Amino acid sequence: MSLRSQYAMAGLGLFLMLPMLSGCGLQDWFDAMDRQQFEHACANLGIARGTPSWDQCMIQQQASAKNEEQQFLNRVHEREMVRELNHRR
């Protein structure tokens, strides 16, 4: 399981509460954490900051994170549907 997946699972409860807590600066904190992870990944790939390749890497990191987050939420939703169907039986 990737670090990003672990982060997503650990933060699911907070993620679901983000609309209520966004005024508390929590969303800014999550954004900063994500940006740090993206920057670290791009730096580890040897891409120089301030270049078009850096910008593209950051965009790809963000897209990958959103995709992983959506896949995680889809799995959670599917599990809930299965539980509900099993409960009805």
Protein backbone atom coordinates (compact mmCIF):
# COMPACT_ATOMS: atom_id res chain seq x y z
CA MET A 1 0.00 0.00 0.00
CA SER A 2 1.50 3.34 -1.00
CA LEU A 3 2.11 6.14 1.45
CA ARG A 4 -0.47 8.25 -0.37
CA SER A 5 -3.06 5.45 0.04
CA GLN A 6 -2.29 5.17 3.73
CA TYR A 7 -2.63 8.93 4.06
CA ALA A 8 -5.98 8.78 2.26
CA MET A 9 -7.30 6.03 4.52
CA ALA A 10 -6.08 7.69 7.70
CA GLY A 11 -7.58 10.99 6.67
CA LEU A 12 -10.94 9.74 5.39
CA GLY A 13 -12.81 10.99 8.44
CA LEU A 14 -11.16 14.38 8.19
CA PHE A 15 -11.74 14.44 4.44
CA LEU A 16 -15.45 13.95 4.99
CA MET A 17 -15.45 16.77 7.52
CA LEU A 18 -13.45 19.21 5.37
CA PRO A 19 -16.44 21.24 4.23
CA MET A 20 -17.24 21.97 7.89
CA LEU A 21 -13.63 22.60 8.89
CA SER A 22 -12.39 24.49 5.86
CA GLY A 23 -12.78 27.79 7.68
CA CYS A 24 -10.31 26.56 10.29
CA GLY A 25 -7.35 26.51 7.89
CA LEU A 26 -7.33 22.72 7.73
CA GLN A 27 -7.71 22.73 3.96
CA ASP A 28 -4.65 24.98 3.66
CA TRP A 29 -2.70 22.53 5.81
CA PHE A 30 -3.72 19.57 3.60
CA ASP A 31 -2.85 21.55 0.47
CA ALA A 32 0.60 22.34 1.88
CA MET A 33 1.17 18.66 2.74
CA ASP A 34 0.15 17.59 -0.75
CA ARG A 35 2.38 20.23 -2.34
CA GLN A 36 5.35 19.04 -0.23
CA GLN A 37 4.77 15.45 -1.32
CA PHE A 38 4.49 16.48 -4.97
CA GLU A 39 7.66 18.59 -4.76
CA HIS A 40 9.52 15.73 -3.08
CA ALA A 41 8.42 13.30 -5.81
CA CYS A 42 9.47 15.65 -8.61
CA ALA A 43 12.81 16.39 -6.94
CA ASN A 44 13.43 12.65 -6.52
CA LEU A 45 12.91 12.30 -10.26
CA GLY A 46 15.74 14.77 -10.77
CA ILE A 47 13.58 17.46 -12.32
CA ALA A 48 14.84 21.02 -11.85
CA ARG A 49 12.53 23.50 -10.15
CA GLY A 50 11.24 26.37 -12.25
CA THR A 51 11.35 24.44 -15.51
CA PRO A 52 8.41 23.45 -17.70
CA SER A 53 9.19 19.83 -16.78
CA TRP A 54 8.81 20.72 -13.08
CA ASP A 55 5.42 22.32 -13.73
CA GLN A 56 4.30 19.27 -15.72
CA CYS A 57 5.52 16.94 -12.98
CA MET A 58 3.58 18.88 -10.33
CA ILE A 59 0.43 18.71 -12.47
CA GLN A 60 0.90 14.97 -12.99
CA GLN A 61 1.44 14.42 -9.27
CA GLN A 62 -1.76 16.29 -8.49
CA ALA A 63 -3.73 14.33 -11.09
CA SER A 64 -2.34 11.06 -9.77
CA ALA A 65 -3.29 11.98 -6.20
CA LYS A 66 -6.82 12.92 -7.23
CA ASN A 67 -7.14 9.66 -9.16
CA GLU A 68 -5.97 7.60 -6.17
CA GLU A 69 -8.32 9.50 -3.87
CA GLN A 70 -11.27 8.88 -6.20
CA GLN A 71 -10.41 5.19 -6.48
CA PHE A 72 -10.29 4.95 -2.69
CA LEU A 73 -13.65 6.68 -2.32
CA ASN A 74 -15.13 4.38 -4.98
CA ARG A 75 -13.93 1.33 -3.04
CA VAL A 76 -15.43 2.69 0.18
CA HIS A 77 -18.73 3.32 -1.60
CA GLU A 78 -18.73 -0.18 -3.13
CA ARG A 79 -18.09 -1.76 0.28
CA GLU A 80 -20.96 0.22 1.78
CA MET A 81 -23.27 -0.92 -1.03
CA VAL A 82 -22.27 -4.57 -0.46
CA ARG A 83 -22.89 -4.21 3.29
CA GLU A 84 -26.27 -2.68 2.63
CA LEU A 85 -27.23 -5.45 0.21
CA ASN A 86 -26.08 -8.12 2.66
CA HIS A 87 -27.99 -6.43 5.47
CA ARG A 88 -31.23 -6.52 3.43
CA ARG A 89 -31.01 -10.28 2.96
